């Protein structure tokens, strides 16, 4: 197997059922729980309806329709946010491969496999939220965890580096002393 990242099918990924050294499922953050969203939308509806009725009674009847339109736009924005939050990534390290599986909001799966002995974990920490966590091998790279915060990317990078280092360093046999 070469050290370059290769895209594989879900069936091939399932064949990598070796014991995991590292297994992380990365999810984007959601702004509100479903219960919080329901409470927020109820409050927004009450406030918008009350303000709309007040404007209607003052003679500005078209405002009531715009208040309803505002509620609809907020609802659509949250719906799009919740749909985008259904995506996730799985990073799985075994003795023979590091596999990244990316699942889109629509359920489409894309999988990449890297040979772990040639793999570099690179954290490009630019100022602000634009840092990038890259898996690089033989001149090719794959960015993972785009939706993570810079601190979460740092933690993931360190955990991956630690496990890759353990994999690459041969274990000392029992009773053997260094030195």
N, C-alpha and C. Protein backbone atom coordinates (compact mmCIF):
# COMPACT_ATOMS: atom_id res chain seq x y z
N UNK A 1 0.86 -1.18 0.00
CA UNK A 1 0.00 0.00 0.00
C UNK A 1 0.89 1.23 0.00
N UNK A 2 0.56 2.18 -0.83
CA UNK A 2 1.36 3.40 -0.90
C UNK A 2 1.00 4.33 0.25
N UNK A 3 1.82 5.35 0.46
CA UNK A 3 1.60 6.29 1.55
C UNK A 3 0.70 7.44 1.17
N UNK A 4 0.21 7.47 -0.07
CA UNK A 4 -0.64 8.58 -0.47
C UNK A 4 -2.07 8.31 -0.05
N UNK A 5 -2.83 9.38 0.23
CA UNK A 5 -4.22 9.14 0.61
C UNK A 5 -4.99 8.62 -0.58
N UNK A 6 -5.77 7.58 -0.35
CA UNK A 6 -6.58 7.02 -1.43
C UNK A 6 -8.02 7.00 -0.98
N UNK A 7 -8.90 7.32 -1.90
CA UNK A 7 -10.32 7.28 -1.61
C UNK A 7 -10.76 5.84 -1.78
N UNK A 8 -11.53 5.33 -0.80
CA UNK A 8 -11.98 3.95 -0.85
C UNK A 8 -13.49 3.90 -0.65
N UNK A 9 -14.07 2.77 -0.98
CA UNK A 9 -15.52 2.62 -0.82
C UNK A 9 -15.84 2.26 0.62
N UNK A 10 -17.11 2.34 0.96
CA UNK A 10 -17.54 2.00 2.32
C UNK A 10 -17.29 0.52 2.62
N UNK A 11 -17.41 -0.35 1.59
CA UNK A 11 -17.14 -1.78 1.79
C UNK A 11 -15.68 -2.01 2.13
N UNK A 12 -14.78 -1.32 1.44
CA UNK A 12 -13.36 -1.46 1.75
C UNK A 12 -13.05 -0.93 3.14
N UNK A 13 -13.71 0.15 3.53
CA UNK A 13 -13.50 0.70 4.87
C UNK A 13 -13.96 -0.30 5.93
N UNK A 14 -15.04 -1.00 5.66
CA UNK A 14 -15.52 -2.00 6.60
C UNK A 14 -14.55 -3.16 6.76
N UNK A 15 -13.74 -3.41 5.74
CA UNK A 15 -12.76 -4.48 5.80
C UNK A 15 -11.62 -4.14 6.76
N UNK A 16 -11.52 -2.90 7.16
CA UNK A 16 -10.46 -2.47 8.07
C UNK A 16 -10.89 -2.68 9.52
N UNK A 17 -11.40 -3.85 9.81
CA UNK A 17 -11.96 -4.12 11.14
C UNK A 17 -10.89 -4.52 12.14
N UNK A 18 -9.67 -4.06 11.96
CA UNK A 18 -8.59 -4.34 12.91
C UNK A 18 -8.85 -3.56 14.20
N UNK A 19 -8.24 -3.98 15.30
CA UNK A 19 -8.42 -3.25 16.56
C UNK A 19 -7.99 -1.79 16.42
N UNK A 20 -8.78 -0.90 16.96
CA UNK A 20 -8.52 0.54 16.83
C UNK A 20 -7.52 1.00 17.89
N UNK A 21 -6.54 1.78 17.46
CA UNK A 21 -5.62 2.45 18.37
C UNK A 21 -6.19 3.82 18.74
N UNK A 22 -6.96 4.39 17.83
CA UNK A 22 -7.55 5.72 18.01
C UNK A 22 -8.83 5.74 17.20
N UNK A 23 -9.91 6.22 17.79
CA UNK A 23 -11.19 6.30 17.10
C UNK A 23 -11.91 7.54 17.61
N UNK A 24 -12.13 8.51 16.73
CA UNK A 24 -12.80 9.75 17.12
C UNK A 24 -13.88 10.06 16.10
N UNK A 25 -15.04 10.45 16.59
CA UNK A 25 -16.13 10.91 15.73
C UNK A 25 -16.28 12.40 15.98
N UNK A 26 -16.11 13.19 14.93
CA UNK A 26 -16.12 14.65 15.03
C UNK A 26 -17.47 15.18 14.54
N UNK A 27 -18.14 15.94 15.40
CA UNK A 27 -19.44 16.54 15.08
C UNK A 27 -19.34 18.06 15.16
N UNK A 28 -20.02 18.78 14.26
CA UNK A 28 -20.07 20.24 14.40
C UNK A 28 -20.96 20.63 15.58
N UNK A 29 -20.74 21.82 16.07
CA UNK A 29 -21.56 22.33 17.18
C UNK A 29 -22.94 22.73 16.67
N UNK A 30 -23.93 22.58 17.52
CA UNK A 30 -25.26 23.09 17.20
C UNK A 30 -25.55 24.25 18.14
N UNK A 31 -26.28 25.21 17.63
CA UNK A 31 -26.52 26.43 18.40
C UNK A 31 -27.50 26.23 19.55
N UNK A 32 -28.49 25.39 19.37
CA UNK A 32 -29.50 25.16 20.41
C UNK A 32 -29.93 23.70 20.39
N UNK A 33 -30.33 23.22 21.55
CA UNK A 33 -30.95 21.89 21.61
C UNK A 33 -32.34 22.00 20.98
N UNK A 34 -32.95 20.88 20.60
CA UNK A 34 -34.31 20.95 20.05
C UNK A 34 -35.30 21.63 21.01
N UNK A 35 -35.16 21.37 22.30
CA UNK A 35 -36.05 22.01 23.27
C UNK A 35 -35.79 23.52 23.33
N UNK A 36 -34.51 23.92 23.31
CA UNK A 36 -34.17 25.34 23.31
C UNK A 36 -34.69 26.04 22.06
N UNK A 37 -34.61 25.35 20.92
CA UNK A 37 -35.12 25.90 19.68
C UNK A 37 -36.63 26.11 19.76
N UNK A 38 -37.34 25.14 20.30
CA UNK A 38 -38.80 25.26 20.43
C UNK A 38 -39.16 26.44 21.33
N UNK A 39 -38.49 26.57 22.46
CA UNK A 39 -38.76 27.68 23.37
C UNK A 39 -38.44 29.03 22.71
N UNK A 40 -37.32 29.09 22.01
CA UNK A 40 -36.93 30.33 21.33
C UNK A 40 -37.96 30.71 20.27
N UNK A 41 -38.40 29.74 19.47
CA UNK A 41 -39.36 30.04 18.41
C UNK A 41 -40.71 30.45 19.00
N UNK A 42 -41.12 29.84 20.09
CA UNK A 42 -42.38 30.24 20.74
C UNK A 42 -42.27 31.68 21.23
N UNK A 43 -41.17 32.02 21.87
CA UNK A 43 -40.97 33.38 22.36
C UNK A 43 -40.93 34.38 21.19
N UNK A 44 -40.22 34.02 20.13
CA UNK A 44 -40.14 34.89 18.95
C UNK A 44 -41.53 35.10 18.33
N UNK A 45 -42.32 34.04 18.25
CA UNK A 45 -43.67 34.16 17.70
C UNK A 45 -44.53 35.09 18.55
N UNK A 46 -44.47 34.92 19.86
CA UNK A 46 -45.27 35.77 20.75
C UNK A 46 -44.85 37.24 20.61
N UNK A 47 -43.55 37.50 20.64
CA UNK A 47 -43.06 38.88 20.54
C UNK A 47 -43.41 39.48 19.18
N UNK A 48 -43.19 38.71 18.10
CA UNK A 48 -43.48 39.22 16.75
C UNK A 48 -44.97 39.47 16.55
N UNK A 49 -45.79 38.53 17.02
CA UNK A 49 -47.24 38.70 16.88
C UNK A 49 -47.72 39.92 17.67
N UNK A 50 -47.23 40.06 18.91
CA UNK A 50 -47.64 41.20 19.74
C UNK A 50 -47.24 42.52 19.09
N UNK A 51 -45.99 42.59 18.62
CA UNK A 51 -45.52 43.83 17.97
C UNK A 51 -46.30 44.08 16.68
N UNK A 52 -46.56 43.00 15.91
CA UNK A 52 -47.30 43.15 14.67
C UNK A 52 -48.71 43.65 14.90
N UNK A 53 -49.39 43.12 15.91
CA UNK A 53 -50.75 43.58 16.24
C UNK A 53 -50.72 45.04 16.69
N UNK A 54 -49.70 45.41 17.49
CA UNK A 54 -49.59 46.81 17.94
C UNK A 54 -49.43 47.73 16.73
N UNK A 55 -48.61 47.36 15.76
CA UNK A 55 -48.44 48.18 14.56
C UNK A 55 -49.72 48.21 13.74
N UNK A 56 -50.42 47.09 13.67
CA UNK A 56 -51.66 47.03 12.90
C UNK A 56 -52.72 47.97 13.52
N UNK A 57 -52.82 47.96 14.84
CA UNK A 57 -53.76 48.84 15.52
C UNK A 57 -53.39 50.31 15.35
N UNK A 58 -52.11 50.59 15.14
CA UNK A 58 -51.65 51.97 14.93
C UNK A 58 -51.81 52.38 13.47
N UNK A 59 -52.33 51.47 12.63
CA UNK A 59 -52.56 51.81 11.23
C UNK A 59 -51.48 51.31 10.28
N UNK A 60 -50.45 50.72 10.79
CA UNK A 60 -49.36 50.20 9.92
C UNK A 60 -49.56 48.70 9.74
N UNK A 61 -50.68 48.31 9.13
CA UNK A 61 -51.04 46.91 9.00
C UNK A 61 -50.04 46.05 8.22
N UNK A 62 -49.28 46.58 7.23
CA UNK A 62 -48.34 45.71 6.52
C UNK A 62 -47.21 45.17 7.41
N UNK A 63 -46.95 45.85 8.52
CA UNK A 63 -45.86 45.41 9.40
C UNK A 63 -46.15 44.00 9.95
N UNK A 64 -47.41 43.67 10.18
CA UNK A 64 -47.77 42.36 10.71
C UNK A 64 -47.25 41.24 9.78
N UNK A 65 -47.40 41.42 8.50
CA UNK A 65 -46.90 40.43 7.53
C UNK A 65 -45.38 40.31 7.57
N UNK A 66 -44.70 41.46 7.71
CA UNK A 66 -43.24 41.41 7.78
C UNK A 66 -42.75 40.75 9.08
N UNK A 67 -43.51 40.92 10.15
CA UNK A 67 -43.14 40.25 11.40
C UNK A 67 -43.26 38.73 11.23
N UNK A 68 -44.29 38.29 10.52
CA UNK A 68 -44.44 36.86 10.22
C UNK A 68 -43.33 36.37 9.31
N UNK A 69 -42.95 37.20 8.35
CA UNK A 69 -41.85 36.84 7.46
C UNK A 69 -40.55 36.70 8.23
N UNK A 70 -40.30 37.57 9.20
CA UNK A 70 -39.10 37.47 10.04
C UNK A 70 -39.06 36.14 10.78
N UNK A 71 -40.19 35.72 11.33
CA UNK A 71 -40.26 34.45 12.05
C UNK A 71 -39.94 33.30 11.09
N UNK A 72 -40.50 33.34 9.90
CA UNK A 72 -40.25 32.29 8.90
C UNK A 72 -38.78 32.23 8.51
N UNK A 73 -38.15 33.38 8.33
CA UNK A 73 -36.73 33.41 7.96
C UNK A 73 -35.86 32.85 9.08
N UNK A 74 -36.15 33.20 10.31
CA UNK A 74 -35.39 32.65 11.46
C UNK A 74 -35.57 31.14 11.52
N UNK A 75 -36.80 30.65 11.32
CA UNK A 75 -37.05 29.21 11.34
C UNK A 75 -36.25 28.51 10.25
N UNK A 76 -36.25 29.07 9.02
CA UNK A 76 -35.49 28.47 7.92
C UNK A 76 -33.99 28.47 8.20
N UNK A 77 -33.48 29.52 8.82
CA UNK A 77 -32.05 29.58 9.14
C UNK A 77 -31.67 28.49 10.15
N UNK A 78 -32.50 28.30 11.16
CA UNK A 78 -32.23 27.23 12.13
C UNK A 78 -32.34 25.86 11.48
N UNK A 79 -33.31 25.69 10.62
CA UNK A 79 -33.47 24.41 9.92
C UNK A 79 -32.21 24.10 9.10
N UNK A 80 -31.68 25.09 8.39
CA UNK A 80 -30.45 24.88 7.62
C UNK A 80 -29.28 24.56 8.55
N UNK A 81 -29.21 25.22 9.69
CA UNK A 81 -28.15 24.96 10.65
C UNK A 81 -28.22 23.54 11.19
N UNK A 82 -29.41 23.08 11.54
CA UNK A 82 -29.57 21.72 12.05
C UNK A 82 -29.26 20.68 10.97
N UNK A 83 -29.60 20.98 9.73
CA UNK A 83 -29.28 20.06 8.64
C UNK A 83 -27.78 19.94 8.47
N UNK A 84 -27.08 21.07 8.50
CA UNK A 84 -25.61 21.05 8.36
C UNK A 84 -24.96 20.32 9.53
N UNK A 85 -25.59 20.34 10.69
CA UNK A 85 -25.02 19.68 11.88
C UNK A 85 -25.13 18.17 11.80
N UNK A 86 -25.83 17.63 10.83
CA UNK A 86 -25.92 16.17 10.68
C UNK A 86 -24.66 15.58 10.07
N UNK A 87 -23.79 16.43 9.55
CA UNK A 87 -22.54 15.91 8.97
C UNK A 87 -21.59 15.54 10.12
N UNK A 88 -20.70 14.62 9.83
CA UNK A 88 -19.67 14.28 10.81
C UNK A 88 -18.50 13.60 10.12
N UNK A 89 -17.42 13.46 10.86
CA UNK A 89 -16.23 12.79 10.36
C UNK A 89 -15.79 11.77 11.40
N UNK A 90 -15.29 10.65 10.92
CA UNK A 90 -14.73 9.63 11.81
C UNK A 90 -13.28 9.44 11.44
N UNK A 91 -12.41 9.49 12.45
CA UNK A 91 -10.98 9.28 12.26
C UNK A 91 -10.63 8.00 13.02
N UNK A 92 -10.16 6.99 12.29
CA UNK A 92 -9.88 5.68 12.86
C UNK A 92 -8.45 5.28 12.54
N UNK A 93 -7.66 5.00 13.57
CA UNK A 93 -6.27 4.56 13.39
C UNK A 93 -6.15 3.11 13.85
N UNK A 94 -5.70 2.26 12.94
CA UNK A 94 -5.37 0.88 13.26
C UNK A 94 -3.88 0.70 12.97
N UNK A 95 -3.36 -0.50 13.19
CA UNK A 95 -1.94 -0.75 12.93
C UNK A 95 -1.59 -0.59 11.45
N UNK A 96 -2.57 -0.80 10.57
CA UNK A 96 -2.26 -0.78 9.14
C UNK A 96 -2.72 0.46 8.40
N UNK A 97 -3.60 1.27 8.98
CA UNK A 97 -4.13 2.42 8.23
C UNK A 97 -4.74 3.46 9.16
N UNK A 98 -4.71 4.69 8.70
CA UNK A 98 -5.51 5.75 9.31
C UNK A 98 -6.61 6.04 8.29
N UNK A 99 -7.85 5.86 8.71
CA UNK A 99 -8.99 6.03 7.81
C UNK A 99 -9.80 7.23 8.26
N UNK A 100 -10.15 8.08 7.31
CA UNK A 100 -11.03 9.22 7.56
C UNK A 100 -12.29 8.98 6.76
N UNK A 101 -13.43 8.98 7.46
CA UNK A 101 -14.71 8.81 6.81
C UNK A 101 -15.51 10.08 7.04
N UNK A 102 -15.97 10.70 5.97
CA UNK A 102 -16.73 11.95 6.04
C UNK A 102 -18.15 11.69 5.55
N UNK A 103 -19.13 11.98 6.40
CA UNK A 103 -20.53 11.77 6.07
C UNK A 103 -21.19 13.13 5.92
N UNK A 104 -21.78 13.39 4.76
CA UNK A 104 -22.42 14.68 4.48
C UNK A 104 -23.79 14.73 5.14
N UNK A 105 -24.41 15.92 5.21
CA UNK A 105 -25.76 16.02 5.77
C UNK A 105 -26.77 15.14 5.03
N UNK A 106 -26.52 14.86 3.76
CA UNK A 106 -27.43 14.02 2.98
C UNK A 106 -27.14 12.53 3.17
N UNK A 107 -26.11 12.20 3.96
CA UNK A 107 -25.77 10.80 4.21
C UNK A 107 -24.74 10.21 3.26
N UNK A 108 -24.23 11.03 2.35
CA UNK A 108 -23.21 10.52 1.41
C UNK A 108 -21.90 10.32 2.16
N UNK A 109 -21.23 9.19 1.88
CA UNK A 109 -19.99 8.85 2.56
C UNK A 109 -18.80 8.96 1.61
N UNK A 110 -17.73 9.55 2.12
CA UNK A 110 -16.45 9.57 1.40
C UNK A 110 -15.40 9.09 2.39
N UNK A 111 -14.53 8.23 1.94
CA UNK A 111 -13.54 7.63 2.82
C UNK A 111 -12.15 7.75 2.20
N UNK A 112 -11.17 8.11 3.04
CA UNK A 112 -9.77 8.18 2.64
C UNK A 112 -8.95 7.30 3.57
N UNK A 113 -7.89 6.70 3.02
CA UNK A 113 -7.02 5.84 3.83
C UNK A 113 -5.58 6.30 3.64
N UNK A 114 -4.86 6.38 4.76
CA UNK A 114 -3.45 6.76 4.77
C UNK A 114 -2.63 5.64 5.39
N UNK A 115 -1.42 5.46 4.92
CA UNK A 115 -0.47 4.55 5.53
C UNK A 115 0.11 5.30 6.73
N UNK A 116 -0.06 4.83 7.96
CA UNK A 116 0.29 5.62 9.14
C UNK A 116 1.78 5.89 9.34
N UNK A 117 2.65 5.06 8.79
CA UNK A 117 4.08 5.25 9.02
C UNK A 117 4.63 6.45 8.27
N UNK A 118 3.93 6.91 7.23
CA UNK A 118 4.39 8.06 6.44
C UNK A 118 3.53 9.29 6.65
N UNK A 119 2.62 9.23 7.58
CA UNK A 119 1.64 10.28 7.77
C UNK A 119 2.14 11.38 8.70
N UNK A 120 1.91 12.63 8.31
CA UNK A 120 2.20 13.78 9.17
C UNK A 120 0.88 14.45 9.55
N UNK A 121 0.80 14.86 10.81
CA UNK A 121 -0.36 15.61 11.29
C UNK A 121 0.10 17.05 11.44
N UNK A 122 -0.47 17.95 10.65
CA UNK A 122 -0.03 19.34 10.61
C UNK A 122 -1.17 20.24 11.06
N UNK A 123 -0.87 21.06 12.05
CA UNK A 123 -1.84 22.04 12.52
C UNK A 123 -1.34 23.41 12.10
N UNK A 124 -2.04 24.00 11.14
CA UNK A 124 -1.70 25.33 10.64
C UNK A 124 -2.53 26.33 11.44
N UNK A 125 -1.89 26.91 12.46
CA UNK A 125 -2.62 27.81 13.37
C UNK A 125 -2.50 29.26 12.92
N UNK A 126 -3.42 29.65 12.05
CA UNK A 126 -3.51 31.05 11.65
C UNK A 126 -4.27 31.81 12.72
N UNK A 127 -4.08 33.11 12.80
CA UNK A 127 -4.88 33.88 13.77
C UNK A 127 -6.36 33.77 13.44
N UNK A 128 -7.17 33.67 14.48
CA UNK A 128 -8.61 33.59 14.28
C UNK A 128 -9.08 32.16 14.12
N UNK A 129 -10.31 31.98 13.67
CA UNK A 129 -10.91 30.65 13.57
C UNK A 129 -10.52 29.89 12.31
N UNK A 130 -9.59 30.40 11.52
CA UNK A 130 -9.25 29.80 10.24
C UNK A 130 -8.11 28.79 10.31
N UNK A 131 -7.82 28.24 11.48
CA UNK A 131 -6.75 27.25 11.56
C UNK A 131 -7.17 26.00 10.79
N UNK A 132 -6.19 25.23 10.34
CA UNK A 132 -6.48 24.03 9.57
C UNK A 132 -5.71 22.85 10.15
N UNK A 133 -6.37 21.71 10.25
CA UNK A 133 -5.76 20.47 10.69
C UNK A 133 -5.65 19.57 9.47
N UNK A 134 -4.41 19.26 9.09
CA UNK A 134 -4.17 18.51 7.86
C UNK A 134 -3.51 17.18 8.15
N UNK A 135 -3.91 16.17 7.38
CA UNK A 135 -3.20 14.90 7.35
C UNK A 135 -2.45 14.90 6.03
N UNK A 136 -1.13 14.75 6.08
CA UNK A 136 -0.32 14.87 4.88
C UNK A 136 0.57 13.65 4.72
N UNK A 137 0.63 13.17 3.48
CA UNK A 137 1.47 12.03 3.15
C UNK A 137 1.84 12.11 1.68
N UNK A 138 3.12 11.98 1.39
CA UNK A 138 3.63 11.97 0.01
C UNK A 138 3.11 13.14 -0.83
N UNK A 139 3.12 14.33 -0.26
CA UNK A 139 2.76 15.54 -0.99
C UNK A 139 1.27 15.78 -1.14
N UNK A 140 0.45 14.91 -0.63
CA UNK A 140 -1.00 15.10 -0.70
C UNK A 140 -1.53 15.33 0.70
N UNK A 141 -2.59 16.10 0.81
CA UNK A 141 -3.12 16.45 2.13
C UNK A 141 -4.64 16.39 2.14
N UNK A 142 -5.17 16.15 3.34
CA UNK A 142 -6.61 16.14 3.56
C UNK A 142 -6.88 16.95 4.83
N UNK A 143 -7.75 17.94 4.73
CA UNK A 143 -8.12 18.72 5.91
C UNK A 143 -9.26 18.01 6.62
N UNK A 144 -9.12 17.89 7.95
CA UNK A 144 -10.17 17.27 8.75
C UNK A 144 -10.64 18.25 9.81
N UNK A 145 -11.85 18.04 10.30
CA UNK A 145 -12.39 18.84 11.39
C UNK A 145 -12.51 20.32 11.09
N UNK A 146 -12.92 20.67 9.89
CA UNK A 146 -13.05 22.09 9.53
C UNK A 146 -13.98 22.84 10.48
N UNK A 147 -14.95 22.16 11.03
CA UNK A 147 -15.95 22.78 11.89
C UNK A 147 -15.54 22.83 13.35
N UNK A 148 -14.38 22.31 13.71
CA UNK A 148 -13.91 22.34 15.10
C UNK A 148 -13.34 23.69 15.46
N UNK A 149 -13.32 24.00 16.75
CA UNK A 149 -12.70 25.23 17.23
C UNK A 149 -11.18 25.05 17.19
N UNK A 150 -10.41 26.13 17.21
CA UNK A 150 -8.95 25.99 17.21
C UNK A 150 -8.44 25.13 18.38
N UNK A 151 -9.03 25.26 19.55
CA UNK A 151 -8.62 24.44 20.70
C UNK A 151 -8.90 22.96 20.48
N UNK A 152 -10.06 22.65 19.91
CA UNK A 152 -10.40 21.25 19.62
C UNK A 152 -9.47 20.67 18.56
N UNK A 153 -9.11 21.48 17.56
CA UNK A 153 -8.17 21.02 16.54
C UNK A 153 -6.82 20.72 17.16
N UNK A 154 -6.38 21.58 18.08
CA UNK A 154 -5.10 21.38 18.77
C UNK A 154 -5.11 20.07 19.56
N UNK A 155 -6.20 19.82 20.30
CA UNK A 155 -6.31 18.58 21.08
C UNK A 155 -6.32 17.35 20.17
N UNK A 156 -7.06 17.40 19.08
CA UNK A 156 -7.12 16.28 18.15
C UNK A 156 -5.76 16.03 17.52
N UNK A 157 -5.08 17.09 17.11
CA UNK A 157 -3.75 16.94 16.50
C UNK A 157 -2.78 16.28 17.48
N UNK A 158 -2.78 16.72 18.72
CA UNK A 158 -1.87 16.14 19.72
C UNK A 158 -2.20 14.68 19.98
N UNK A 159 -3.48 14.35 20.09
CA UNK A 159 -3.88 12.96 20.32
C UNK A 159 -3.47 12.07 19.15
N UNK A 160 -3.67 12.55 17.92
CA UNK A 160 -3.25 11.77 16.74
C UNK A 160 -1.74 11.60 16.70
N UNK A 161 -1.00 12.68 16.94
CA UNK A 161 0.47 12.59 16.94
C UNK A 161 0.96 11.59 17.98
N UNK A 162 0.36 11.61 19.16
CA UNK A 162 0.76 10.68 20.23
C UNK A 162 0.53 9.24 19.81
N UNK A 163 -0.64 8.95 19.26
CA UNK A 163 -0.93 7.57 18.84
C UNK A 163 -0.07 7.14 17.67
N UNK A 164 0.20 8.04 16.73
CA UNK A 164 1.08 7.69 15.61
C UNK A 164 2.50 7.41 16.11
N UNK A 165 2.97 8.20 17.08
CA UNK A 165 4.30 7.99 17.66
C UNK A 165 4.37 6.62 18.34
N UNK A 166 3.33 6.24 19.09
CA UNK A 166 3.29 4.93 19.75
C UNK A 166 3.30 3.80 18.73
N UNK A 167 2.60 3.99 17.63
CA UNK A 167 2.55 2.97 16.58
C UNK A 167 3.92 2.79 15.92
N UNK A 168 4.60 3.88 15.69
CA UNK A 168 5.89 3.83 14.98
C UNK A 168 7.03 3.33 15.85
N UNK A 169 6.96 3.54 17.15
CA UNK A 169 8.03 3.10 18.05
C UNK A 169 7.76 1.67 18.45
N UNK A 170 8.73 0.79 18.18
CA UNK A 170 8.51 -0.61 18.56
C UNK A 170 8.47 -0.75 20.08
N UNK A 171 7.62 -1.64 20.54
CA UNK A 171 7.51 -1.88 21.98
C UNK A 171 8.74 -2.63 22.47
N UNK A 172 9.19 -2.26 23.63
CA UNK A 172 10.32 -2.95 24.24
C UNK A 172 9.82 -4.27 24.82
N UNK A 173 10.52 -5.40 24.54
CA UNK A 173 10.11 -6.67 25.12
C UNK A 173 10.22 -6.64 26.64
N UNK A 174 9.38 -7.40 27.30
CA UNK A 174 9.41 -7.47 28.76
C UNK A 174 10.78 -7.90 29.23
N UNK A 175 11.26 -7.27 30.28
CA UNK A 175 12.54 -7.62 30.88
C UNK A 175 13.75 -6.99 30.19
N UNK A 176 13.51 -6.22 29.13
CA UNK A 176 14.62 -5.56 28.44
C UNK A 176 14.72 -4.15 28.98
N UNK A 177 15.91 -3.77 29.38
CA UNK A 177 16.13 -2.43 29.91
C UNK A 177 16.85 -1.60 28.88
N UNK A 178 16.48 -0.30 28.82
CA UNK A 178 17.19 0.60 27.91
C UNK A 178 18.52 0.96 28.52
N UNK A 179 19.46 1.31 27.69
CA UNK A 179 20.65 1.86 28.25
C UNK A 179 21.84 1.21 27.79
